[in-house]
Amino acid sequence: MDRMIIGPIIGLILLAYAAYCWQNEGTHVKGKGWMNKEEAPKSYLFNQMVYLWLGLTMVVIPTVMMLMK
């Protein structure tokens, strides 16, 4: 049961960080720190896709599994 609670919490944190990056138009790039999307457009887009995909997956799948029980 703990996994069913921890996963969505982490997913919501990832979604909140994706929203923060979108609002501030930047992302953290390893070895370079915070960069705006004009300085690192590929990293920004890739990170946003990863954050959204992981966040939604971690929220939706456990929710569906709990509803199916």
C-alpha atoms as a PDB file:
ATOM      1  CA  MET A   1       0.000   0.000   0.000  1.00  0.00           C
ATOM      2  CA  ASP A   2       2.913   2.380   0.646  1.00  0.00           C
ATOM      3  CA  ARG A   3       3.979   2.177  -2.993  1.00  0.00           C
ATOM      4  CA  MET A   4       0.504   3.233  -4.039  1.00  0.00           C
ATOM      5  CA  ILE A   5       0.922   6.428  -2.005  1.00  0.00           C
ATOM      6  CA  ILE A   6       4.611   7.251  -2.533  1.00  0.00           C
ATOM      7  CA  GLY A   7       4.521   6.934  -6.342  1.00  0.00           C
ATOM      8  CA  PRO A   8       1.798   9.542  -6.899  1.00  0.00           C
ATOM      9  CA  ILE A   9       3.452  11.914  -4.412  1.00  0.00           C
ATOM     10  CA  ILE A  10       6.737  11.729  -6.335  1.00  0.00           C
ATOM     11  CA  GLY A  11       4.784  12.086  -9.579  1.00  0.00           C
ATOM     12  CA  LEU A  12       3.119  15.253  -8.312  1.00  0.00           C
ATOM     13  CA  ILE A  13       6.510  16.639  -7.294  1.00  0.00           C
ATOM     14  CA  LEU A  14       7.830  15.967 -10.812  1.00  0.00           C
ATOM     15  CA  LEU A  15       4.788  17.660 -12.344  1.00  0.00           C
ATOM     16  CA  ALA A  16       5.241  20.642 -10.025  1.00  0.00           C
ATOM     17  CA  TYR A  17       8.917  20.918 -11.041  1.00  0.00           C
ATOM     18  CA  ALA A  18       7.939  20.705 -14.724  1.00  0.00           C
ATOM     19  CA  ALA A  19       5.475  23.555 -14.134  1.00  0.00           C
ATOM     20  CA  TYR A  20       8.196  25.557 -12.344  1.00  0.00           C
ATOM     21  CA  CYS A  21      10.610  25.054 -15.249  1.00  0.00           C
ATOM     22  CA  TRP A  22       7.898  26.020 -17.738  1.00  0.00           C
ATOM     23  CA  GLN A  23       6.968  29.152 -15.782  1.00  0.00           C
ATOM     24  CA  ASN A  24      10.601  30.256 -15.460  1.00  0.00           C
ATOM     25  CA  GLU A  25      11.454  29.134 -19.012  1.00  0.00           C
ATOM     26  CA  GLY A  26      14.540  27.154 -18.072  1.00  0.00           C
ATOM     27  CA  THR A  27      15.909  23.876 -16.808  1.00  0.00           C
ATOM     28  CA  HIS A  28      18.856  22.464 -14.906  1.00  0.00           C
ATOM     29  CA  VAL A  29      21.601  21.136 -17.186  1.00  0.00           C
ATOM     30  CA  LYS A  30      24.180  18.797 -15.676  1.00  0.00           C
ATOM     31  CA  GLY A  31      27.544  20.499 -15.326  1.00  0.00           C
ATOM     32  CA  LYS A  32      26.199  23.895 -16.392  1.00  0.00           C
ATOM     33  CA  GLY A  33      23.497  24.670 -13.850  1.00  0.00           C
ATOM     34  CA  TRP A  34      20.300  26.569 -14.626  1.00  0.00           C
ATOM     35  CA  MET A  35      19.934  27.545 -18.284  1.00  0.00           C
ATOM     36  CA  ASN A  36      17.016  29.210 -20.002  1.00  0.00           C
ATOM     37  CA  LYS A  37      15.340  27.571 -22.969  1.00  0.00           C
ATOM     38  CA  GLU A  38      17.072  29.882 -25.467  1.00  0.00           C
ATOM     39  CA  GLU A  39      20.507  28.781 -24.224  1.00  0.00           C
ATOM     40  CA  ALA A  40      19.711  25.046 -24.199  1.00  0.00           C
ATOM     41  CA  PRO A  41      16.549  24.375 -26.215  1.00  0.00           C
ATOM     42  CA  LYS A  42      17.146  20.639 -26.699  1.00  0.00           C
ATOM     43  CA  SER A  43      17.858  20.037 -23.014  1.00  0.00           C
ATOM     44  CA  TYR A  44      14.828  22.097 -22.016  1.00  0.00           C
ATOM     45  CA  LEU A  45      12.487  20.196 -24.324  1.00  0.00           C
ATOM     46  CA  PHE A  46      13.929  16.788 -23.390  1.00  0.00           C
ATOM     47  CA  ASN A  47      13.720  17.492 -19.650  1.00  0.00           C
ATOM     48  CA  GLN A  48      10.154  18.788 -19.919  1.00  0.00           C
ATOM     49  CA  MET A  49       9.071  15.650 -21.799  1.00  0.00           C
ATOM     50  CA  VAL A  50      10.757  13.374 -19.254  1.00  0.00           C
ATOM     51  CA  TYR A  51       9.308  15.229 -16.246  1.00  0.00           C
ATOM     52  CA  LEU A  52       5.800  15.186 -17.723  1.00  0.00           C
ATOM     53  CA  TRP A  53       5.935  11.560 -18.854  1.00  0.00           C
ATOM     54  CA  LEU A  54       7.313  10.249 -15.549  1.00  0.00           C
ATOM     55  CA  GLY A  55       5.051  12.475 -13.456  1.00  0.00           C
ATOM     56  CA  LEU A  56       1.870  11.498 -15.301  1.00  0.00           C
ATOM     57  CA  THR A  57       2.830   7.818 -15.336  1.00  0.00           C
ATOM     58  CA  MET A  58       3.536   7.819 -11.601  1.00  0.00           C
ATOM     59  CA  VAL A  59       0.180   9.475 -10.873  1.00  0.00           C
ATOM     60  CA  VAL A  60      -2.114   7.748 -13.374  1.00  0.00           C
ATOM     61  CA  ILE A  61      -1.040   4.093 -13.148  1.00  0.00           C
ATOM     62  CA  PRO A  62      -1.363   3.697  -9.354  1.00  0.00           C
ATOM     63  CA  THR A  63      -4.670   5.585  -9.453  1.00  0.00           C
ATOM     64  CA  VAL A  64      -6.052   3.248 -12.110  1.00  0.00           C
ATOM     65  CA  MET A  65      -4.755   0.207 -10.209  1.00  0.00           C
ATOM     66  CA  MET A  66      -6.498   1.373  -7.017  1.00  0.00           C
ATOM     67  CA  LEU A  67      -9.755   1.981  -8.888  1.00  0.00           C
ATOM     68  CA  MET A  68      -9.632  -1.491 -10.475  1.00  0.00           C
ATOM     69  CA  LYS A  69      -9.461  -3.263  -7.110  1.00  0.00           C
END
